[in-house]
Amino acid sequence: MRIVIAEDDALLREGLALLLRAEGLDVVATAADPSELLAAVAEHVPDVAIVDVRMPPTHTHEGIVAAVDARRRQPGLAVLVLSAYVEEAFATDLLAYGSAGLGYLLKERVGRVDEFLAALHRVAGGGTAIDPDVIAQLFARTRSDSRLDRLSPREREVLAVMAEGLGNTAIAARLFVTEGAVHKHIRSIFAKLDLAPTDLADRRVTAVLRYLEDARLRA
């Protein structure tokens, strides 16, 4: 796995590089600003870019803009976004160039090394990995007239864990239910969100992203 890290905080940037290299991963470049990120992606053609949301010069959403540009220039580039806060607009911007290989973690999650590495590998493998704390906050912000009110409390729990990128076995273990029950809840979620019975993996991603977009619009 070839990785580029874009983070303006030098301590965190180098700490991440050391951590990943200690795990045997290939950090091919680090960047302190968006222009350095795009140059590194062009030069090294990495598998994954780990990108801070707030970067110079304004420290607002430059990281997201650069990540969108990087995915446009290199289709299939996996992106793991790191943020100190819940940035709801990230999903629709990044998803313009495909939903595979996207992750969003709060920076505090990096300190939980096993969870961070699991998310990184999941994103690199074309999956999704969204911080459970982000999901919880977005659910809390969704207004009562949301179409997600069609879902039962258990279905909302299943969707929240799906959003982290976990498979059915892991969802069952997290919620202390059987895999059969998870399958049943997921089928119900698809039906209530009016998702056609096409590819299962695509519907999982679509269900999560519909929720994220709904929360963003209603924030």
Protein backbone atom coordinates (compact mmCIF):
# COMPACT_ATOMS: atom_id res chain seq x y z
CA MET A 1 0.00 0.00 0.00
CA ARG A 2 1.49 3.30 -1.16
CA ILE A 3 0.38 6.25 0.96
CA VAL A 4 0.59 10.05 0.76
CA ILE A 5 -0.12 12.06 3.92
CA ALA A 6 -1.37 15.65 3.71
CA GLU A 7 -1.40 17.38 7.09
CA ASP A 8 -0.21 20.89 7.94
CA ASP A 9 0.59 20.02 11.57
CA ALA A 10 4.19 18.82 11.30
CA LEU A 11 4.06 16.78 14.50
CA LEU A 12 0.95 14.86 13.47
CA ARG A 13 2.19 14.49 9.90
CA GLU A 14 5.49 12.94 10.92
CA GLY A 15 3.86 10.92 13.68
CA LEU A 16 1.47 9.35 11.19
CA ALA A 17 4.32 8.59 8.82
CA LEU A 18 6.32 6.90 11.57
CA LEU A 19 3.29 4.89 12.71
CA LEU A 20 2.47 3.64 9.24
CA ARG A 21 6.06 2.82 8.35
CA ALA A 22 6.39 0.87 11.60
CA GLU A 23 3.42 -1.20 10.39
CA GLY A 24 5.28 -1.99 7.19
CA LEU A 25 3.31 0.41 5.00
CA ASP A 26 4.94 2.50 2.30
CA VAL A 27 4.56 6.23 2.98
CA VAL A 28 5.88 7.59 -0.31
CA ALA A 29 5.42 11.29 0.48
CA THR A 30 4.11 13.79 2.99
CA ALA A 31 2.58 17.20 2.23
CA ALA A 32 1.98 20.31 4.30
CA ASP A 33 -0.51 22.03 1.98
CA PRO A 34 -2.88 21.22 -0.90
CA SER A 35 -0.41 22.04 -3.68
CA GLU A 36 2.16 19.67 -2.19
CA LEU A 37 -0.53 16.97 -1.94
CA LEU A 38 -1.46 17.27 -5.61
CA ALA A 39 2.18 17.26 -6.65
CA ALA A 40 2.85 14.15 -4.54
CA VAL A 41 -0.16 12.32 -6.00
CA ALA A 42 0.97 13.15 -9.53
CA GLU A 43 4.54 12.03 -8.87
CA HIS A 44 3.99 8.89 -6.78
CA VAL A 45 0.54 7.64 -7.89
CA PRO A 46 -0.34 6.37 -4.38
CA ASP A 47 -3.05 3.90 -3.45
CA VAL A 48 -4.32 6.05 -0.57
CA ALA A 49 -4.18 9.72 0.38
CA ILE A 50 -4.67 10.58 4.06
CA VAL A 51 -5.89 14.18 4.05
CA ASP A 52 -6.60 16.73 6.75
CA VAL A 53 -9.78 18.72 6.05
CA ARG A 54 -8.52 22.10 7.26
CA MET A 55 -5.30 23.14 5.55
CA PRO A 56 -3.59 26.39 4.49
CA PRO A 57 -4.21 29.08 3.53
CA THR A 58 -7.61 29.58 5.19
CA HIS A 59 -7.83 26.35 7.23
CA THR A 60 -11.45 25.79 6.24
CA HIS A 61 -12.01 23.09 3.61
CA GLU A 62 -8.87 23.20 1.45
CA GLY A 63 -8.15 19.55 2.19
CA ILE A 64 -11.52 18.47 0.82
CA VAL A 65 -11.06 20.57 -2.31
CA ALA A 66 -7.60 19.07 -2.86
CA ALA A 67 -8.89 15.53 -2.25
CA VAL A 68 -11.66 16.06 -4.82
CA ASP A 69 -9.09 17.34 -7.32
CA ALA A 70 -6.78 14.39 -6.59
CA ARG A 71 -9.58 11.87 -7.19
CA ARG A 72 -10.49 13.64 -10.42
CA ARG A 73 -6.89 13.44 -11.62
CA GLN A 74 -6.37 9.88 -10.40
CA PRO A 75 -9.63 7.91 -10.62
CA GLY A 76 -9.73 5.14 -8.04
CA LEU A 77 -7.53 6.96 -5.54
CA ALA A 78 -8.66 6.01 -2.05
CA VAL A 79 -9.01 8.93 0.36
CA LEU A 80 -9.11 8.83 4.15
CA VAL A 81 -10.15 12.22 5.50
CA LEU A 82 -9.07 13.28 8.99
CA SER A 83 -10.78 16.07 10.86
CA ALA A 84 -10.94 17.47 14.37
CA TYR A 85 -14.64 18.21 13.81
CA VAL A 86 -17.65 16.77 11.99
CA GLU A 87 -17.52 18.27 8.49
CA GLU A 88 -20.84 17.32 6.91
CA ALA A 89 -20.13 18.62 3.41
CA PHE A 90 -17.29 16.19 2.78
CA ALA A 91 -19.48 13.36 1.51
CA THR A 92 -21.21 14.92 -1.48
CA ASP A 93 -18.07 16.73 -2.64
CA LEU A 94 -15.84 13.65 -2.60
CA LEU A 95 -18.51 11.29 -3.91
CA ALA A 96 -18.75 13.17 -7.18
CA TYR A 97 -15.95 10.91 -8.43
CA GLY A 98 -17.24 7.63 -7.01
CA SER A 99 -18.14 6.17 -3.65
CA ALA A 100 -15.52 3.42 -3.40
CA GLY A 101 -12.46 3.94 -1.25
CA LEU A 102 -13.64 6.74 1.02
CA GLY A 103 -13.17 7.19 4.74
CA TYR A 104 -13.76 9.91 7.30
CA LEU A 105 -12.29 9.72 10.79
CA LEU A 106 -12.02 12.19 13.62
CA LYS A 107 -8.38 12.79 14.47
CA GLU A 108 -8.82 11.38 17.95
CA ARG A 109 -9.40 7.99 16.30
CA VAL A 110 -5.77 7.91 15.13
CA GLY A 111 -4.71 7.28 18.71
CA ARG A 112 -6.70 4.03 18.65
CA VAL A 113 -4.15 2.43 16.39
CA ASP A 114 -5.93 -0.84 15.63
CA GLU A 115 -9.14 0.96 14.65
CA PHE A 116 -7.25 3.49 12.56
CA LEU A 117 -5.31 0.82 10.68
CA ALA A 118 -8.44 -1.25 10.11
CA ALA A 119 -10.16 1.78 8.61
CA LEU A 120 -7.16 2.55 6.42
CA HIS A 121 -7.04 -0.99 5.05
CA ARG A 122 -10.79 -1.00 4.46
CA VAL A 123 -10.62 2.23 2.47
CA ALA A 124 -7.59 1.04 0.51
CA GLY A 125 -9.54 -2.08 -0.38
CA GLY A 126 -12.32 0.00 -1.93
CA GLY A 127 -14.64 0.09 1.08
CA THR A 128 -15.91 2.86 3.30
CA ALA A 129 -14.91 3.77 6.84
CA ILE A 130 -16.81 6.50 8.65
CA ASP A 131 -16.13 7.35 12.27
CA PRO A 132 -18.91 6.09 14.57
CA ASP A 133 -18.84 9.37 16.48
CA VAL A 134 -19.52 11.20 13.20
CA ILE A 135 -22.49 8.95 12.50
CA ALA A 136 -23.85 9.53 16.00
CA GLN A 137 -23.60 13.31 15.65
CA LEU A 138 -25.23 13.30 12.23
CA PHE A 139 -28.11 11.17 13.47
CA ALA A 140 -28.58 13.59 16.37
CA ARG A 141 -28.78 16.53 13.96
CA THR A 142 -31.34 14.99 11.63
CA ARG A 143 -34.74 16.67 11.99
CA SER A 144 -37.91 14.78 12.78
CA ASP A 145 -39.33 15.10 9.25
CA SER A 146 -36.43 13.20 7.69
CA ARG A 147 -37.25 10.22 5.51
CA LEU A 148 -35.04 8.25 7.88
CA ASP A 149 -37.96 8.35 10.31
CA ARG A 150 -39.27 5.42 8.31
CA LEU A 151 -36.61 3.31 9.98
CA SER A 152 -37.10 1.55 13.29
CA PRO A 153 -34.62 2.25 16.12
CA ARG A 154 -32.86 -1.06 15.43
CA GLU A 155 -32.68 -0.31 11.70
CA ARG A 156 -31.10 3.05 12.49
CA GLU A 157 -28.52 1.26 14.63
CA VAL A 158 -27.76 -1.15 11.80
CA LEU A 159 -27.43 1.73 9.31
CA ALA A 160 -25.09 3.57 11.68
CA VAL A 161 -22.79 0.57 11.91
CA MET A 162 -23.04 0.00 8.15
CA ALA A 163 -21.79 3.56 7.73
CA GLU A 164 -18.59 2.63 9.53
CA GLY A 165 -17.92 0.19 6.70
CA LEU A 166 -18.50 -3.02 8.65
CA GLY A 167 -19.83 -6.22 7.06
CA ASN A 168 -22.80 -8.22 8.25
CA THR A 169 -20.79 -10.50 10.54
CA ALA A 170 -19.19 -7.54 12.29
CA ILE A 171 -22.54 -5.74 12.54
CA ALA A 172 -24.08 -8.80 14.18
CA ALA A 173 -21.23 -8.97 16.69
CA ARG A 174 -21.44 -5.24 17.47
CA LEU A 175 -25.20 -5.30 18.05
CA PHE A 176 -25.36 -8.77 19.67
CA VAL A 177 -27.81 -10.15 17.11
CA THR A 178 -27.67 -12.97 14.58
CA GLU A 179 -26.46 -12.51 11.02
CA GLY A 180 -29.93 -13.53 9.89
CA ALA A 181 -31.40 -10.64 11.83
CA VAL A 182 -28.88 -8.27 10.26
CA HIS A 183 -29.85 -9.45 6.76
CA LYS A 184 -33.52 -8.88 7.63
CA HIS A 185 -32.89 -5.37 8.93
CA ILE A 186 -30.79 -4.43 5.91
CA ARG A 187 -33.47 -5.64 3.49
CA SER A 188 -35.99 -3.53 5.40
CA ILE A 189 -33.68 -0.48 5.28
CA PHE A 190 -33.34 -0.82 1.51
CA ALA A 191 -37.10 -1.07 1.12
CA LYS A 192 -37.87 1.91 3.35
CA LEU A 193 -35.26 4.05 1.59
CA ASP A 194 -36.69 3.05 -1.81
CA LEU A 195 -33.47 1.42 -2.99
CA ALA A 196 -33.99 -0.90 -5.94
CA PRO A 197 -32.76 -4.51 -5.66
CA THR A 198 -29.60 -4.06 -7.68
CA ASP A 199 -26.05 -4.78 -6.51
CA LEU A 200 -25.97 -5.35 -2.72
CA ALA A 201 -22.69 -3.53 -2.11
CA ASP A 202 -23.89 -0.50 -4.08
CA ARG A 203 -27.13 -0.36 -2.11
CA ARG A 204 -25.23 -0.47 1.19
CA VAL A 205 -23.13 2.52 0.16
CA THR A 206 -26.15 4.34 -1.25
CA ALA A 207 -28.12 3.86 1.98
CA VAL A 208 -25.30 5.37 4.01
CA LEU A 209 -24.75 8.24 1.62
CA ARG A 210 -28.43 9.11 1.44
CA TYR A 211 -28.35 9.48 5.19
CA LEU A 212 -25.22 11.66 5.12
CA GLU A 213 -26.65 13.90 2.39
CA ASP A 214 -29.95 14.21 4.24
CA ALA A 215 -28.17 15.24 7.43
CA ARG A 216 -26.03 17.76 5.55
CA LEU A 217 -29.04 19.42 3.93
CA ARG A 218 -30.93 19.64 7.20
CA ALA A 219 -28.04 20.90 9.36
